[in-house]
């Protein structure tokens, strides 16, 4: 009996040490050194990354994390480029943009697909950043955000489940009082200040769940319950991969982001709450695409990440960096 008790104590202490080491590693990696990262051109020539802390030189940056997306990425990029061309024609030369594809260590043809769009559209409009190995969607989005040049920054999934034109709904809400001032960057008029607008699929919840099996619906309910326990229910849909940020908000949020995989969206909301970044939710059109990477085991990973950042912030292991 005594031996079993000691074994339990030793196992518990070992697990606790591993958990604390994991928290410390994520905290250390939060202060990301961008020096090793570079954009890859169509011929393999590399260009250094810009910095989120520098003065913006584009109106809009679209950041697309991509992991093994050779099948779905082409249609998404084509839709984005066509939309941005139409918008530039409509708004004139003041509307400038960049699309940043962050390849998260894909082992399929995703980098080649992205490079083909660089060749067609130029390396100033389309930029490809390749991570040497898979780090997770949250890490890929963070790297893309930290090296962006836009005055506004849109995070968008590679599957194209949300129409890029819905961004204008988010922009309207961003300009409609979510941030306090309107100013000029260079010769480009636009919004200055801190704000984050989240695309929301909450209005489609009943329809979507009626098409899914009972297990996935149960897992969805379980995840939402866990999220509510951590950050409350102010935001109804934290996981929609369609979010718009002002540059000031991106500076504050992504320089503090620790989680690298499933629940980075939840941490973004938590950080916005703590840093007093104004938030709003806007309904978007959304289509459930084939090829989802969500698995039943994903909820266990999500629960672990939620527990990790709740303990890390509450226990003071992770501290917020507020200077810009």
C-alpha atoms as a PDB file:
ATOM      1  CA  UNK A   1       0.000   0.000   0.000  1.00  0.00           C
ATOM      2  CA  UNK A   2       2.832   2.361   0.964  1.00  0.00           C
ATOM      3  CA  UNK A   3       4.710   1.593  -2.249  1.00  0.00           C
ATOM      4  CA  UNK A   4       1.602   2.336  -4.333  1.00  0.00           C
ATOM      5  CA  UNK A   5       1.161   5.669  -2.533  1.00  0.00           C
ATOM      6  CA  UNK A   6       4.751   6.676  -3.184  1.00  0.00           C
ATOM      7  CA  UNK A   7       4.445   5.647  -6.805  1.00  0.00           C
ATOM      8  CA  UNK A   8       1.364   7.829  -7.139  1.00  0.00           C
ATOM      9  CA  UNK A   9       3.163  10.777  -5.521  1.00  0.00           C
ATOM     10  CA  UNK A  10       6.213  10.408  -7.775  1.00  0.00           C
ATOM     11  CA  UNK A  11       4.041  10.107 -10.892  1.00  0.00           C
ATOM     12  CA  UNK A  12       2.062  13.192  -9.865  1.00  0.00           C
ATOM     13  CA  UNK A  13       5.222  15.188  -9.229  1.00  0.00           C
ATOM     14  CA  UNK A  14       6.617  14.158 -12.611  1.00  0.00           C
ATOM     15  CA  UNK A  15       3.424  15.189 -14.409  1.00  0.00           C
ATOM     16  CA  UNK A  16       3.413  18.514 -12.574  1.00  0.00           C
ATOM     17  CA  UNK A  17       7.016  19.171 -13.591  1.00  0.00           C
ATOM     18  CA  UNK A  18       6.228  18.355 -17.226  1.00  0.00           C
ATOM     19  CA  UNK A  19       3.215  20.663 -17.113  1.00  0.00           C
ATOM     20  CA  UNK A  20       5.215  23.532 -15.607  1.00  0.00           C
ATOM     21  CA  UNK A  21       8.011  22.989 -18.134  1.00  0.00           C
ATOM     22  CA  UNK A  22       5.401  23.168 -20.916  1.00  0.00           C
ATOM     23  CA  UNK A  23       4.044  26.456 -19.527  1.00  0.00           C
ATOM     24  CA  UNK A  24       7.560  27.898 -19.276  1.00  0.00           C
ATOM     25  CA  UNK A  25       8.408  26.824 -22.827  1.00  0.00           C
ATOM     26  CA  UNK A  26       5.326  28.498 -24.265  1.00  0.00           C
ATOM     27  CA  UNK A  27       6.125  31.640 -22.299  1.00  0.00           C
ATOM     28  CA  UNK A  28       9.704  31.677 -23.561  1.00  0.00           C
ATOM     29  CA  UNK A  29       8.562  31.213 -27.147  1.00  0.00           C
ATOM     30  CA  UNK A  30       6.062  34.048 -26.784  1.00  0.00           C
ATOM     31  CA  UNK A  31       8.803  36.609 -27.326  1.00  0.00           C
ATOM     32  CA  UNK A  32       9.291  35.382 -30.846  1.00  0.00           C
ATOM     33  CA  UNK A  33      12.581  36.133 -32.551  1.00  0.00           C
ATOM     34  CA  UNK A  34      11.634  36.977 -36.119  1.00  0.00           C
ATOM     35  CA  UNK A  35      15.223  37.062 -37.382  1.00  0.00           C
ATOM     36  CA  UNK A  36      15.240  33.446 -38.692  1.00  0.00           C
ATOM     37  CA  UNK A  37      12.040  33.980 -40.685  1.00  0.00           C
ATOM     38  CA  UNK A  38      12.060  35.228 -44.252  1.00  0.00           C
ATOM     39  CA  UNK A  39       9.606  35.372 -47.123  1.00  0.00           C
ATOM     40  CA  UNK A  40      10.293  32.921 -49.903  1.00  0.00           C
ATOM     41  CA  UNK A  41      10.006  34.103 -53.498  1.00  0.00           C
ATOM     42  CA  UNK A  42       9.038  31.996 -56.524  1.00  0.00           C
ATOM     43  CA  UNK A  43      12.694  31.358 -57.403  1.00  0.00           C
ATOM     44  CA  UNK A  44      13.722  30.509 -53.850  1.00  0.00           C
ATOM     45  CA  UNK A  45      15.232  33.946 -53.190  1.00  0.00           C
ATOM     46  CA  UNK A  46      14.355  35.125 -49.694  1.00  0.00           C
ATOM     47  CA  UNK A  47      13.358  38.563 -48.427  1.00  0.00           C
ATOM     48  CA  UNK A  48      13.458  39.684 -44.793  1.00  0.00           C
ATOM     49  CA  UNK A  49      10.217  40.038 -42.853  1.00  0.00           C
ATOM     50  CA  UNK A  50       8.744  43.377 -41.930  1.00  0.00           C
ATOM     51  CA  UNK A  51       7.749  44.094 -38.327  1.00  0.00           C
ATOM     52  CA  UNK A  52       4.320  44.703 -36.805  1.00  0.00           C
ATOM     53  CA  UNK A  53       6.013  47.454 -34.763  1.00  0.00           C
ATOM     54  CA  UNK A  54       6.982  49.433 -37.843  1.00  0.00           C
ATOM     55  CA  UNK A  55       4.854  52.040 -39.611  1.00  0.00           C
ATOM     56  CA  UNK A  56       2.273  50.341 -41.879  1.00  0.00           C
ATOM     57  CA  UNK A  57       2.870  50.612 -45.611  1.00  0.00           C
ATOM     58  CA  UNK A  58      -0.250  48.719 -46.783  1.00  0.00           C
ATOM     59  CA  UNK A  59      -3.929  49.315 -46.203  1.00  0.00           C
ATOM     60  CA  UNK A  60      -4.663  45.641 -45.624  1.00  0.00           C
ATOM     61  CA  UNK A  61      -2.817  42.439 -44.796  1.00  0.00           C
ATOM     62  CA  UNK A  62      -4.577  39.082 -45.240  1.00  0.00           C
ATOM     63  CA  UNK A  63      -2.909  36.310 -43.236  1.00  0.00           C
ATOM     64  CA  UNK A  64      -3.679  32.712 -44.253  1.00  0.00           C
ATOM     65  CA  UNK A  65      -2.265  29.825 -42.198  1.00  0.00           C
ATOM     66  CA  UNK A  66      -1.972  26.698 -44.324  1.00  0.00           C
ATOM     67  CA  UNK A  67      -1.127  23.129 -43.405  1.00  0.00           C
ATOM     68  CA  UNK A  68      -1.466  20.505 -46.164  1.00  0.00           C
ATOM     69  CA  UNK A  69      -3.915  22.676 -48.098  1.00  0.00           C
ATOM     70  CA  UNK A  70      -2.836  22.008 -51.687  1.00  0.00           C
ATOM     71  CA  UNK A  71      -6.399  21.056 -52.660  1.00  0.00           C
ATOM     72  CA  UNK A  72      -8.319  23.912 -51.032  1.00  0.00           C
ATOM     73  CA  UNK A  73      -5.808  26.772 -51.133  1.00  0.00           C
ATOM     74  CA  UNK A  74      -5.915  27.570 -54.894  1.00  0.00           C
ATOM     75  CA  UNK A  75      -9.636  28.430 -54.949  1.00  0.00           C
ATOM     76  CA  UNK A  76      -9.276  30.491 -51.771  1.00  0.00           C
ATOM     77  CA  UNK A  77      -6.324  32.481 -53.079  1.00  0.00           C
ATOM     78  CA  UNK A  78      -8.027  33.063 -56.417  1.00  0.00           C
ATOM     79  CA  UNK A  79     -11.135  34.391 -54.666  1.00  0.00           C
ATOM     80  CA  UNK A  80      -9.043  36.687 -52.465  1.00  0.00           C
ATOM     81  CA  UNK A  81      -6.955  38.081 -55.322  1.00  0.00           C
ATOM     82  CA  UNK A  82      -9.996  38.678 -57.520  1.00  0.00           C
ATOM     83  CA  UNK A  83     -11.784  40.477 -54.687  1.00  0.00           C
ATOM     84  CA  UNK A  84      -8.754  42.632 -53.841  1.00  0.00           C
ATOM     85  CA  UNK A  85      -8.302  43.593 -57.512  1.00  0.00           C
ATOM     86  CA  UNK A  86     -11.965  44.631 -57.753  1.00  0.00           C
ATOM     87  CA  UNK A  87     -11.699  46.606 -54.568  1.00  0.00           C
ATOM     88  CA  UNK A  88      -8.554  48.375 -55.713  1.00  0.00           C
ATOM     89  CA  UNK A  89     -10.295  49.320 -58.941  1.00  0.00           C
ATOM     90  CA  UNK A  90     -13.251  50.622 -56.926  1.00  0.00           C
ATOM     91  CA  UNK A  91     -11.336  52.515 -54.242  1.00  0.00           C
ATOM     92  CA  UNK A  92      -8.342  53.626 -56.245  1.00  0.00           C
ATOM     93  CA  UNK A  93      -4.590  53.637 -55.527  1.00  0.00           C
ATOM     94  CA  UNK A  94      -5.028  54.407 -51.816  1.00  0.00           C
ATOM     95  CA  UNK A  95      -6.165  50.812 -51.305  1.00  0.00           C
ATOM     96  CA  UNK A  96      -3.025  48.680 -51.119  1.00  0.00           C
ATOM     97  CA  UNK A  97      -2.724  45.134 -49.850  1.00  0.00           C
ATOM     98  CA  UNK A  98      -0.634  42.050 -49.247  1.00  0.00           C
ATOM     99  CA  UNK A  99      -1.605  38.405 -48.827  1.00  0.00           C
ATOM    100  CA  UNK A 100       0.665  36.399 -46.530  1.00  0.00           C
ATOM    101  CA  UNK A 101       0.463  32.605 -46.776  1.00  0.00           C
ATOM    102  CA  UNK A 102       2.153  30.967 -43.802  1.00  0.00           C
ATOM    103  CA  UNK A 103       2.943  27.368 -44.656  1.00  0.00           C
ATOM    104  CA  UNK A 104       2.907  25.512 -41.347  1.00  0.00           C
ATOM    105  CA  UNK A 105       5.363  22.760 -42.252  1.00  0.00           C
ATOM    106  CA  UNK A 106       3.196  21.118 -44.918  1.00  0.00           C
ATOM    107  CA  UNK A 107       4.365  17.836 -46.412  1.00  0.00           C
ATOM    108  CA  UNK A 108       2.245  18.141 -49.569  1.00  0.00           C
ATOM    109  CA  UNK A 109       2.268  20.643 -52.436  1.00  0.00           C
ATOM    110  CA  UNK A 110       1.004  23.636 -50.441  1.00  0.00           C
ATOM    111  CA  UNK A 111       4.248  25.672 -50.786  1.00  0.00           C
ATOM    112  CA  UNK A 112       4.289  25.103 -54.568  1.00  0.00           C
ATOM    113  CA  UNK A 113       0.666  26.207 -54.869  1.00  0.00           C
ATOM    114  CA  UNK A 114       1.388  29.398 -52.939  1.00  0.00           C
ATOM    115  CA  UNK A 115       4.561  30.069 -54.951  1.00  0.00           C
ATOM    116  CA  UNK A 116       2.603  29.825 -58.211  1.00  0.00           C
ATOM    117  CA  UNK A 117       0.434  32.736 -57.068  1.00  0.00           C
ATOM    118  CA  UNK A 118       3.567  34.730 -56.230  1.00  0.00           C
ATOM    119  CA  UNK A 119       4.782  34.249 -59.806  1.00  0.00           C
ATOM    120  CA  UNK A 120       1.433  35.392 -61.211  1.00  0.00           C
ATOM    121  CA  UNK A 121       0.859  38.372 -58.940  1.00  0.00           C
ATOM    122  CA  UNK A 122       4.278  39.492 -57.737  1.00  0.00           C
ATOM    123  CA  UNK A 123       6.081  39.110 -54.420  1.00  0.00           C
ATOM    124  CA  UNK A 124       4.834  42.436 -53.104  1.00  0.00           C
ATOM    125  CA  UNK A 125       1.186  41.365 -53.319  1.00  0.00           C
ATOM    126  CA  UNK A 126       1.553  37.670 -52.380  1.00  0.00           C
ATOM    127  CA  UNK A 127       4.132  36.577 -49.823  1.00  0.00           C
ATOM    128  CA  UNK A 128       4.934  33.049 -48.699  1.00  0.00           C
ATOM    129  CA  UNK A 129       6.506  32.260 -45.352  1.00  0.00           C
ATOM    130  CA  UNK A 130       7.515  28.636 -44.771  1.00  0.00           C
ATOM    131  CA  UNK A 131       7.915  27.234 -41.277  1.00  0.00           C
ATOM    132  CA  UNK A 132      10.451  24.378 -41.119  1.00  0.00           C
ATOM    133  CA  UNK A 133       8.038  22.075 -39.290  1.00  0.00           C
ATOM    134  CA  UNK A 134       4.447  22.034 -38.108  1.00  0.00           C
ATOM    135  CA  UNK A 135       3.921  24.297 -35.097  1.00  0.00           C
ATOM    136  CA  UNK A 136       0.146  24.752 -35.098  1.00  0.00           C
ATOM    137  CA  UNK A 137      -2.347  27.204 -36.546  1.00  0.00           C
ATOM    138  CA  UNK A 138      -1.939  29.680 -33.699  1.00  0.00           C
ATOM    139  CA  UNK A 139       1.827  29.869 -34.202  1.00  0.00           C
ATOM    140  CA  UNK A 140       1.432  30.257 -37.977  1.00  0.00           C
ATOM    141  CA  UNK A 141      -1.083  33.090 -37.583  1.00  0.00           C
ATOM    142  CA  UNK A 142       1.147  34.802 -35.023  1.00  0.00           C
ATOM    143  CA  UNK A 143       4.195  34.721 -37.306  1.00  0.00           C
ATOM    144  CA  UNK A 144       2.133  36.104 -40.196  1.00  0.00           C
ATOM    145  CA  UNK A 145       0.715  38.893 -38.051  1.00  0.00           C
ATOM    146  CA  UNK A 146       4.073  39.890 -36.585  1.00  0.00           C
ATOM    147  CA  UNK A 147       5.634  40.372 -40.024  1.00  0.00           C
ATOM    148  CA  UNK A 148       2.693  42.101 -41.700  1.00  0.00           C
ATOM    149  CA  UNK A 149       2.662  45.584 -43.194  1.00  0.00           C
ATOM    150  CA  UNK A 150      -1.052  46.354 -43.102  1.00  0.00           C
ATOM    151  CA  UNK A 151      -2.984  49.058 -41.331  1.00  0.00           C
ATOM    152  CA  UNK A 152      -5.743  46.478 -40.877  1.00  0.00           C
ATOM    153  CA  UNK A 153      -5.050  42.766 -40.595  1.00  0.00           C
ATOM    154  CA  UNK A 154      -7.425  39.965 -41.532  1.00  0.00           C
ATOM    155  CA  UNK A 155      -6.978  36.371 -40.409  1.00  0.00           C
ATOM    156  CA  UNK A 156      -8.651  33.975 -42.847  1.00  0.00           C
ATOM    157  CA  UNK A 157      -8.688  30.181 -43.111  1.00  0.00           C
ATOM    158  CA  UNK A 158      -7.222  28.463 -46.164  1.00  0.00           C
ATOM    159  CA  UNK A 159     -10.391  26.462 -46.805  1.00  0.00           C
ATOM    160  CA  UNK A 160     -12.363  29.520 -47.941  1.00  0.00           C
ATOM    161  CA  UNK A 161     -15.338  28.674 -45.715  1.00  0.00           C
ATOM    162  CA  UNK A 162     -16.017  32.393 -45.288  1.00  0.00           C
ATOM    163  CA  UNK A 163     -16.277  34.729 -48.267  1.00  0.00           C
ATOM    164  CA  UNK A 164     -13.493  37.307 -48.221  1.00  0.00           C
ATOM    165  CA  UNK A 165     -15.964  40.020 -49.228  1.00  0.00           C
ATOM    166  CA  UNK A 166     -17.579  39.610 -45.786  1.00  0.00           C
ATOM    167  CA  UNK A 167     -14.542  41.486 -44.520  1.00  0.00           C
ATOM    168  CA  UNK A 168     -16.371  44.685 -45.404  1.00  0.00           C
ATOM    169  CA  UNK A 169     -18.962  43.887 -42.731  1.00  0.00           C
ATOM    170  CA  UNK A 170     -16.170  43.624 -40.187  1.00  0.00           C
ATOM    171  CA  UNK A 171     -14.586  46.844 -41.426  1.00  0.00           C
ATOM    172  CA  UNK A 172     -17.863  48.710 -41.064  1.00  0.00           C
ATOM    173  CA  UNK A 173     -18.180  47.550 -37.479  1.00  0.00           C
ATOM    174  CA  UNK A 174     -14.549  48.453 -36.822  1.00  0.00           C
ATOM    175  CA  UNK A 175     -15.154  51.980 -38.070  1.00  0.00           C
ATOM    176  CA  UNK A 176     -18.541  52.283 -36.358  1.00  0.00           C
ATOM    177  CA  UNK A 177     -17.323  53.250 -32.928  1.00  0.00           C
ATOM    178  CA  UNK A 178     -15.314  50.195 -31.893  1.00  0.00           C
ATOM    179  CA  UNK A 179     -12.183  52.315 -32.031  1.00  0.00           C
ATOM    180  CA  UNK A 180     -12.108  55.898 -30.968  1.00  0.00           C
ATOM    181  CA  UNK A 181     -10.258  57.796 -33.652  1.00  0.00           C
ATOM    182  CA  UNK A 182      -9.902  58.095 -37.372  1.00  0.00           C
ATOM    183  CA  UNK A 183      -6.676  59.346 -38.804  1.00  0.00           C
ATOM    184  CA  UNK A 184      -4.259  59.140 -41.704  1.00  0.00           C
ATOM    185  CA  UNK A 185      -1.312  56.816 -42.244  1.00  0.00           C
ATOM    186  CA  UNK A 186       0.890  58.322 -44.922  1.00  0.00           C
ATOM    187  CA  UNK A 187      -1.501  59.336 -47.676  1.00  0.00           C
ATOM    188  CA  UNK A 188      -3.953  56.545 -46.863  1.00  0.00           C
ATOM    189  CA  UNK A 189      -7.057  57.427 -44.838  1.00  0.00           C
ATOM    190  CA  UNK A 190      -8.091  54.832 -42.299  1.00  0.00           C
ATOM    191  CA  UNK A 191      -8.842  53.858 -38.741  1.00  0.00           C
ATOM    192  CA  UNK A 192      -6.193  54.279 -36.075  1.00  0.00           C
ATOM    193  CA  UNK A 193      -6.595  52.758 -32.641  1.00  0.00           C
ATOM    194  CA  UNK A 194      -7.237  49.419 -31.068  1.00  0.00           C
ATOM    195  CA  UNK A 195     -10.058  47.104 -32.091  1.00  0.00           C
ATOM    196  CA  UNK A 196     -10.856  43.500 -32.975  1.00  0.00           C
ATOM    197  CA  UNK A 197     -13.910  42.263 -34.869  1.00  0.00           C
ATOM    198  CA  UNK A 198     -14.693  38.554 -34.933  1.00  0.00           C
ATOM    199  CA  UNK A 199     -16.639  36.860 -37.673  1.00  0.00           C
ATOM    200  CA  UNK A 200     -19.446  34.835 -36.136  1.00  0.00           C
ATOM    201  CA  UNK A 201     -21.297  31.705 -37.230  1.00  0.00           C
ATOM    202  CA  UNK A 202     -23.495  31.617 -34.128  1.00  0.00           C
ATOM    203  CA  UNK A 203     -26.590  32.451 -36.183  1.00  0.00           C
ATOM    204  CA  UNK A 204     -25.967  29.278 -38.209  1.00  0.00           C
ATOM    205  CA  UNK A 205     -25.511  27.023 -35.189  1.00  0.00           C
ATOM    206  CA  UNK A 206     -28.844  25.164 -35.323  1.00  0.00           C
ATOM    207  CA  UNK A 207     -28.604  24.503 -39.050  1.00  0.00           C
ATOM    208  CA  UNK A 208     -24.985  23.313 -38.821  1.00  0.00           C
ATOM    209  CA  UNK A 209     -25.619  21.018 -35.875  1.00  0.00           C
ATOM    210  CA  UNK A 210     -28.611  19.399 -37.554  1.00  0.00           C
ATOM    211  CA  UNK A 211     -26.242  18.128 -40.267  1.00  0.00           C
ATOM    212  CA  UNK A 212     -23.618  16.714 -37.893  1.00  0.00           C
ATOM    213  CA  UNK A 213     -23.543  13.443 -36.000  1.00  0.00           C
ATOM    214  CA  UNK A 214     -24.408  13.234 -32.304  1.00  0.00           C
ATOM    215  CA  UNK A 215     -20.785  12.747 -31.206  1.00  0.00           C
ATOM    216  CA  UNK A 216     -19.550  15.900 -32.896  1.00  0.00           C
ATOM    217  CA  UNK A 217     -22.483  17.908 -31.505  1.00  0.00           C
ATOM    218  CA  UNK A 218     -21.697  16.610 -28.013  1.00  0.00           C
ATOM    219  CA  UNK A 219     -18.041  17.554 -28.378  1.00  0.00           C
ATOM    220  CA  UNK A 220     -19.036  21.007 -29.663  1.00  0.00           C
ATOM    221  CA  UNK A 221     -21.286  21.604 -26.643  1.00  0.00           C
ATOM    222  CA  UNK A 222     -18.565  20.371 -24.294  1.00  0.00           C
ATOM    223  CA  UNK A 223     -15.999  22.728 -25.823  1.00  0.00           C
ATOM    224  CA  UNK A 224     -18.321  25.740 -25.633  1.00  0.00           C
ATOM    225  CA  UNK A 225     -19.017  24.962 -21.983  1.00  0.00           C
ATOM    226  CA  UNK A 226     -15.295  24.905 -21.246  1.00  0.00           C
ATOM    227  CA  UNK A 227     -14.767  28.185 -23.113  1.00  0.00           C
ATOM    228  CA  UNK A 228     -17.575  29.837 -21.143  1.00  0.00           C
ATOM    229  CA  UNK A 229     -15.977  28.728 -17.885  1.00  0.00           C
ATOM    230  CA  UNK A 230     -12.683  30.346 -18.935  1.00  0.00           C
ATOM    231  CA  UNK A 231     -13.680  33.619 -20.657  1.00  0.00           C
ATOM    232  CA  UNK A 232     -17.440  33.955 -20.108  1.00  0.00           C
ATOM    233  CA  UNK A 233     -20.102  34.064 -22.820  1.00  0.00           C
ATOM    234  CA  UNK A 234     -19.656  37.592 -24.155  1.00  0.00           C
ATOM    235  CA  UNK A 235     -18.339  36.202 -27.453  1.00  0.00           C
ATOM    236  CA  UNK A 236     -20.593  33.509 -28.910  1.00  0.00           C
ATOM    237  CA  UNK A 237     -18.187  32.153 -31.538  1.00  0.00           C
ATOM    238  CA  UNK A 238     -14.506  32.283 -30.686  1.00  0.00           C
ATOM    239  CA  UNK A 239     -13.408  29.722 -33.272  1.00  0.00           C
ATOM    240  CA  UNK A 240     -14.457  31.259 -36.580  1.00  0.00           C
ATOM    241  CA  UNK A 241     -11.266  31.644 -38.609  1.00  0.00           C
ATOM    242  CA  UNK A 242     -12.208  35.106 -39.845  1.00  0.00           C
ATOM    243  CA  UNK A 243     -11.056  37.973 -37.645  1.00  0.00           C
ATOM    244  CA  UNK A 244     -10.086  41.577 -38.360  1.00  0.00           C
ATOM    245  CA  UNK A 245      -7.670  43.631 -36.266  1.00  0.00           C
ATOM    246  CA  UNK A 246      -6.388  47.155 -36.253  1.00  0.00           C
ATOM    247  CA  UNK A 247      -2.621  47.277 -36.293  1.00  0.00           C
ATOM    248  CA  UNK A 248      -2.540  48.538 -32.697  1.00  0.00           C
ATOM    249  CA  UNK A 249      -4.694  45.619 -31.550  1.00  0.00           C
ATOM    250  CA  UNK A 250      -2.537  43.092 -33.400  1.00  0.00           C
ATOM    251  CA  UNK A 251       0.576  44.557 -31.789  1.00  0.00           C
ATOM    252  CA  UNK A 252      -0.892  44.125 -28.322  1.00  0.00           C
ATOM    253  CA  UNK A 253      -2.525  40.737 -28.784  1.00  0.00           C
ATOM    254  CA  UNK A 254      -0.078  38.740 -30.874  1.00  0.00           C
ATOM    255  CA  UNK A 255       2.981  39.826 -28.928  1.00  0.00           C
ATOM    256  CA  UNK A 256       1.309  38.265 -25.877  1.00  0.00           C
ATOM    257  CA  UNK A 257      -0.129  35.148 -27.538  1.00  0.00           C
ATOM    258  CA  UNK A 258       1.299  31.905 -26.122  1.00  0.00           C
ATOM    259  CA  UNK A 259      -0.940  29.067 -27.321  1.00  0.00           C
ATOM    260  CA  UNK A 260       0.170  27.646 -30.654  1.00  0.00           C
ATOM    261  CA  UNK A 261      -2.577  25.269 -31.703  1.00  0.00           C
ATOM    262  CA  UNK A 262      -6.310  24.777 -31.160  1.00  0.00           C
ATOM    263  CA  UNK A 263      -7.306  27.374 -28.575  1.00  0.00           C
ATOM    264  CA  UNK A 264      -5.288  30.406 -29.609  1.00  0.00           C
ATOM    265  CA  UNK A 265      -8.596  32.052 -30.660  1.00  0.00           C
ATOM    266  CA  UNK A 266      -9.874  31.746 -27.080  1.00  0.00           C
ATOM    267  CA  UNK A 267      -6.643  33.195 -25.732  1.00  0.00           C
ATOM    268  CA  UNK A 268      -6.994  36.148 -28.127  1.00  0.00           C
ATOM    269  CA  UNK A 269     -10.401  36.937 -26.614  1.00  0.00           C
ATOM    270  CA  UNK A 270      -8.988  36.542 -23.103  1.00  0.00           C
ATOM    271  CA  UNK A 271      -6.087  38.858 -23.947  1.00  0.00           C
ATOM    272  CA  UNK A 272      -8.460  41.427 -25.442  1.00  0.00           C
ATOM    273  CA  UNK A 273     -10.466  41.349 -22.211  1.00  0.00           C
ATOM    274  CA  UNK A 274      -7.352  41.850 -20.089  1.00  0.00           C
ATOM    275  CA  UNK A 275      -5.771  44.515 -22.326  1.00  0.00           C
ATOM    276  CA  UNK A 276      -9.068  46.402 -22.802  1.00  0.00           C
ATOM    277  CA  UNK A 277      -9.032  45.933 -26.577  1.00  0.00           C
ATOM    278  CA  UNK A 278     -12.557  46.710 -27.863  1.00  0.00           C
ATOM    279  CA  UNK A 279     -14.256  43.670 -29.431  1.00  0.00           C
ATOM    280  CA  UNK A 280     -17.348  43.101 -31.529  1.00  0.00           C
ATOM    281  CA  UNK A 281     -18.921  40.108 -33.266  1.00  0.00           C
ATOM    282  CA  UNK A 282     -20.377  40.290 -36.775  1.00  0.00           C
ATOM    283  CA  UNK A 283     -22.350  37.625 -38.624  1.00  0.00           C
ATOM    284  CA  UNK A 284     -20.649  36.212 -41.713  1.00  0.00           C
ATOM    285  CA  UNK A 285     -21.611  33.802 -44.455  1.00  0.00           C
ATOM    286  CA  UNK A 286     -20.067  30.414 -43.834  1.00  0.00           C
ATOM    287  CA  UNK A 287     -19.998  27.069 -45.605  1.00  0.00           C
ATOM    288  CA  UNK A 288     -18.826  23.880 -43.922  1.00  0.00           C
ATOM    289  CA  UNK A 289     -16.034  22.633 -46.149  1.00  0.00           C
ATOM    290  CA  UNK A 290     -14.878  19.073 -46.697  1.00  0.00           C
ATOM    291  CA  UNK A 291     -11.480  18.150 -45.292  1.00  0.00           C
ATOM    292  CA  UNK A 292     -11.916  19.349 -41.707  1.00  0.00           C
ATOM    293  CA  UNK A 293      -8.954  18.553 -39.436  1.00  0.00           C
ATOM    294  CA  UNK A 294     -11.135  18.366 -36.303  1.00  0.00           C
ATOM    295  CA  UNK A 295     -11.140  14.914 -34.694  1.00  0.00           C
ATOM    296  CA  UNK A 296     -12.763  13.570 -31.502  1.00  0.00           C
ATOM    297  CA  UNK A 297      -9.345  13.679 -29.828  1.00  0.00           C
ATOM    298  CA  UNK A 298      -9.076  17.378 -30.740  1.00  0.00           C
ATOM    299  CA  UNK A 299     -11.416  18.297 -27.879  1.00  0.00           C
ATOM    300  CA  UNK A 300      -9.012  16.685 -25.418  1.00  0.00           C
ATOM    301  CA  UNK A 301      -6.191  18.799 -26.827  1.00  0.00           C
ATOM    302  CA  UNK A 302      -8.420  21.870 -26.601  1.00  0.00           C
ATOM    303  CA  UNK A 303      -9.304  21.117 -22.989  1.00  0.00           C
ATOM    304  CA  UNK A 304      -5.592  20.774 -22.156  1.00  0.00           C
ATOM    305  CA  UNK A 305      -4.811  24.125 -23.772  1.00  0.00           C
ATOM    306  CA  UNK A 306      -7.694  25.865 -21.994  1.00  0.00           C
ATOM    307  CA  UNK A 307      -6.533  24.461 -18.663  1.00  0.00           C
ATOM    308  CA  UNK A 308      -2.953  25.469 -19.457  1.00  0.00           C
ATOM    309  CA  UNK A 309      -3.587  29.123 -20.139  1.00  0.00           C
ATOM    310  CA  UNK A 310      -6.151  29.469 -17.327  1.00  0.00           C
ATOM    311  CA  UNK A 311      -3.613  28.168 -14.784  1.00  0.00           C
ATOM    312  CA  UNK A 312      -0.708  30.056 -16.385  1.00  0.00           C
ATOM    313  CA  UNK A 313      -2.413  33.456 -16.291  1.00  0.00           C
ATOM    314  CA  UNK A 314      -4.208  32.974 -12.974  1.00  0.00           C
ATOM    315  CA  UNK A 315      -1.069  31.642 -11.321  1.00  0.00           C
ATOM    316  CA  UNK A 316       1.090  34.480 -12.625  1.00  0.00           C
ATOM    317  CA  UNK A 317       3.315  32.244 -14.760  1.00  0.00           C
ATOM    318  CA  UNK A 318       2.395  34.286 -17.833  1.00  0.00           C
ATOM    319  CA  UNK A 319       2.477  38.077 -17.576  1.00  0.00           C
ATOM    320  CA  UNK A 320       1.114  40.532 -20.086  1.00  0.00           C
ATOM    321  CA  UNK A 321       3.451  42.765 -22.040  1.00  0.00           C
ATOM    322  CA  UNK A 322       1.662  46.084 -22.498  1.00  0.00           C
ATOM    323  CA  UNK A 323       4.339  48.348 -23.946  1.00  0.00           C
ATOM    324  CA  UNK A 324       4.382  48.771 -27.723  1.00  0.00           C
END
